[in-house]
């Protein structure tokens, strides 16, 4: 059913394992298995997003180790998965949820705030030319207007996201509508 347990799906189980708060560090082998499931199965992208959302919602304000592991899984999947996953991540509603995680009422550690903002920045850099992925750009622009400062992303040091493009250290262009 719709209200089912997002960790009962094949990819959800792996996401739960990969974000276990007792892990000493990221489990990269598991993270890559998650990417494979997203890429190779019909339900993978949708199921992965559900599990990631649930993991973040249940851990925010309680366990920031889990939050950081989950953000790393999300980042890894965006880098290694295709358009079907990107569309779900760049959805305005999903990005807004990520931003809520770092809202003042949750009192998140600086590392979590910076991680979320740098992910959003990197996705804007990677996807701003794609009309169907511009939810992330809209949220980014709203945050900029509110005066939120984004960490400078050094595109050279980041693993390229799916479609590498020239890094230009300038203001993001305005999105053509």
Protein backbone atom coordinates (compact mmCIF):
# COMPACT_ATOMS: atom_id res chain seq x y z
CA UNK A 1 0.00 0.00 0.00
CA UNK A 2 0.89 3.66 -0.25
CA UNK A 3 1.63 3.87 3.47
CA UNK A 4 3.89 0.84 3.26
CA UNK A 5 7.32 0.67 4.83
CA UNK A 6 9.78 2.28 2.41
CA UNK A 7 12.56 0.12 3.87
CA UNK A 8 10.84 -3.10 2.80
CA UNK A 9 11.66 -2.61 -0.90
CA UNK A 10 14.94 -4.06 -2.23
CA UNK A 11 16.53 -0.62 -2.63
CA UNK A 12 14.94 0.61 0.61
CA UNK A 13 16.53 -2.23 2.57
CA UNK A 14 19.95 -1.31 1.23
CA UNK A 15 19.41 2.38 1.96
CA UNK A 16 18.49 1.52 5.54
CA UNK A 17 21.67 -0.56 5.88
CA UNK A 18 23.87 2.06 4.21
CA UNK A 19 22.66 4.78 6.58
CA UNK A 20 22.89 2.81 9.82
CA UNK A 21 24.00 5.22 12.54
CA UNK A 22 26.39 2.66 14.01
CA UNK A 23 28.55 2.50 10.87
CA UNK A 24 32.02 3.93 11.40
CA UNK A 25 32.01 5.47 7.93
CA UNK A 26 30.20 5.34 4.60
CA UNK A 27 29.73 1.90 3.11
CA UNK A 28 30.70 2.67 -0.48
CA UNK A 29 30.06 -0.87 -1.73
CA UNK A 30 26.46 -0.65 -0.51
CA UNK A 31 26.10 2.87 -1.90
CA UNK A 32 27.08 1.57 -5.34
CA UNK A 33 24.66 -1.38 -5.05
CA UNK A 34 21.93 1.17 -4.37
CA UNK A 35 22.87 3.02 -7.56
CA UNK A 36 22.72 -0.25 -9.52
CA UNK A 37 19.23 -1.03 -8.19
CA UNK A 38 18.05 2.45 -9.12
CA UNK A 39 19.46 2.12 -12.63
CA UNK A 40 18.42 -1.45 -13.30
CA UNK A 41 14.90 -1.69 -11.89
CA UNK A 42 11.65 -0.04 -12.85
CA UNK A 43 10.69 0.82 -9.27
CA UNK A 44 14.21 1.69 -8.14
CA UNK A 45 14.18 5.48 -8.49
CA UNK A 46 10.78 5.94 -6.82
CA UNK A 47 11.51 3.46 -4.05
CA UNK A 48 14.91 5.01 -3.35
CA UNK A 49 13.48 8.50 -3.00
CA UNK A 50 10.78 7.22 -0.63
CA UNK A 51 13.37 5.53 1.57
CA UNK A 52 15.67 8.56 1.53
CA UNK A 53 12.82 10.91 2.46
CA UNK A 54 11.67 8.67 5.30
CA UNK A 55 15.22 8.27 6.60
CA UNK A 56 15.77 12.02 6.67
CA UNK A 57 12.38 12.74 8.25
CA UNK A 58 12.83 10.21 11.04
CA UNK A 59 16.41 11.24 11.85
CA UNK A 60 16.38 15.03 11.64
CA UNK A 61 16.83 16.61 15.06
CA UNK A 62 17.71 13.19 16.49
CA UNK A 63 20.61 11.54 14.71
CA UNK A 64 22.73 13.64 12.40
CA UNK A 65 25.09 10.75 11.67
CA UNK A 66 22.19 9.06 9.88
CA UNK A 67 21.27 12.33 8.15
CA UNK A 68 24.83 12.75 6.83
CA UNK A 69 25.03 9.13 5.63
CA UNK A 70 21.66 9.58 3.90
CA UNK A 71 22.77 12.78 2.19
CA UNK A 72 25.90 10.97 0.99
CA UNK A 73 23.77 8.14 -0.43
CA UNK A 74 21.62 10.74 -2.18
CA UNK A 75 24.67 12.54 -3.57
CA UNK A 76 26.21 9.29 -4.78
CA UNK A 77 22.98 8.24 -6.50
CA UNK A 78 22.65 11.57 -8.30
CA UNK A 79 26.21 11.21 -9.59
CA UNK A 80 25.77 7.62 -10.74
CA UNK A 81 22.13 7.33 -11.76
CA UNK A 82 20.28 8.62 -14.75
CA UNK A 83 17.48 10.92 -15.69
CA UNK A 84 14.70 8.86 -14.08
CA UNK A 85 16.30 9.49 -10.69
CA UNK A 86 17.32 13.09 -11.41
CA UNK A 87 13.72 14.06 -12.18
CA UNK A 88 12.64 12.88 -8.71
CA UNK A 89 15.52 14.59 -6.91
CA UNK A 90 15.20 17.93 -8.70
CA UNK A 91 11.49 18.03 -7.98
CA UNK A 92 10.66 21.28 -6.18
CA UNK A 93 8.87 19.50 -3.35
CA UNK A 94 11.80 17.18 -2.64
CA UNK A 95 14.34 20.01 -2.66
CA UNK A 96 12.08 22.05 -0.36
CA UNK A 97 12.05 19.12 2.07
CA UNK A 98 15.85 19.07 2.07
CA UNK A 99 15.85 22.78 2.85
CA UNK A 100 13.40 22.24 5.74
CA UNK A 101 15.87 19.78 7.27
CA UNK A 102 18.28 22.62 7.86
CA UNK A 103 15.64 25.06 9.11
CA UNK A 104 16.41 26.79 12.43
CA UNK A 105 13.86 24.77 14.37
CA UNK A 106 15.84 21.60 13.74
CA UNK A 107 19.05 23.25 14.91
CA UNK A 108 21.19 21.25 12.49
CA UNK A 109 24.98 21.12 12.83
CA UNK A 110 26.92 23.35 10.44
CA UNK A 111 28.22 20.30 8.56
CA UNK A 112 24.65 19.27 7.69
CA UNK A 113 23.67 22.79 6.62
CA UNK A 114 26.70 23.04 4.37
CA UNK A 115 26.14 19.58 2.92
CA UNK A 116 22.54 20.35 1.94
CA UNK A 117 23.43 23.74 0.46
CA UNK A 118 26.40 22.40 -1.47
CA UNK A 119 24.28 19.55 -2.90
CA UNK A 120 21.66 22.03 -4.07
CA UNK A 121 24.36 24.25 -5.55
CA UNK A 122 25.99 21.34 -7.38
CA UNK A 123 22.65 20.15 -8.81
CA UNK A 124 21.86 23.67 -10.01
CA UNK A 125 25.27 23.78 -11.70
CA UNK A 126 24.70 20.39 -13.30
CA UNK A 127 21.05 20.59 -14.29
CA UNK A 128 20.12 24.23 -14.86
CA UNK A 129 19.97 23.72 -18.63
CA UNK A 130 17.36 20.96 -18.36
CA UNK A 131 13.79 22.31 -18.37
CA UNK A 132 12.39 19.25 -16.64
CA UNK A 133 14.90 19.46 -13.80
CA UNK A 134 14.45 23.09 -12.90
CA UNK A 135 12.58 22.63 -9.60
CA UNK A 136 15.97 22.72 -7.91
CA UNK A 137 16.79 25.99 -9.69
CA UNK A 138 13.54 27.59 -8.50
CA UNK A 139 14.20 26.68 -4.87
CA UNK A 140 17.81 27.83 -5.19
CA UNK A 141 16.74 31.21 -6.52
CA UNK A 142 14.16 31.64 -3.73
CA UNK A 143 16.87 30.91 -1.15
CA UNK A 144 19.29 33.34 -2.79
CA UNK A 145 16.61 36.05 -2.64
CA UNK A 146 16.22 35.34 1.09
CA UNK A 147 19.94 35.93 1.46
CA UNK A 148 21.02 32.33 2.04
CA UNK A 149 24.70 31.99 1.22
CA UNK A 150 25.76 28.91 -0.66
CA UNK A 151 29.20 27.40 -0.18
CA UNK A 152 31.41 27.94 -3.22
CA UNK A 153 31.51 24.66 -5.05
CA UNK A 154 34.79 23.89 -6.65
CA UNK A 155 33.52 21.98 -9.65
CA UNK A 156 36.97 20.63 -10.44
CA UNK A 157 37.28 18.88 -7.11
CA UNK A 158 33.81 17.37 -7.25
CA UNK A 159 33.17 14.19 -9.12
CA UNK A 160 31.33 15.24 -12.26
CA UNK A 161 27.61 14.64 -12.20
CA UNK A 162 26.58 12.47 -15.08
CA UNK A 163 27.19 15.08 -17.77
CA UNK A 164 30.46 16.89 -17.11
CA UNK A 165 30.49 20.41 -18.41
CA UNK A 166 32.94 23.27 -18.31
CA UNK A 167 33.16 24.89 -14.92
CA UNK A 168 32.63 28.61 -15.03
CA UNK A 169 33.21 30.55 -11.85
CA UNK A 170 30.44 33.05 -12.43
CA UNK A 171 26.91 33.80 -11.34
CA UNK A 172 24.46 31.18 -12.58
CA UNK A 173 22.72 32.36 -15.73
CA UNK A 174 19.06 33.15 -15.46
CA UNK A 175 16.99 30.22 -16.54
CA UNK A 176 15.30 30.69 -19.88
CA UNK A 177 11.60 30.04 -19.57
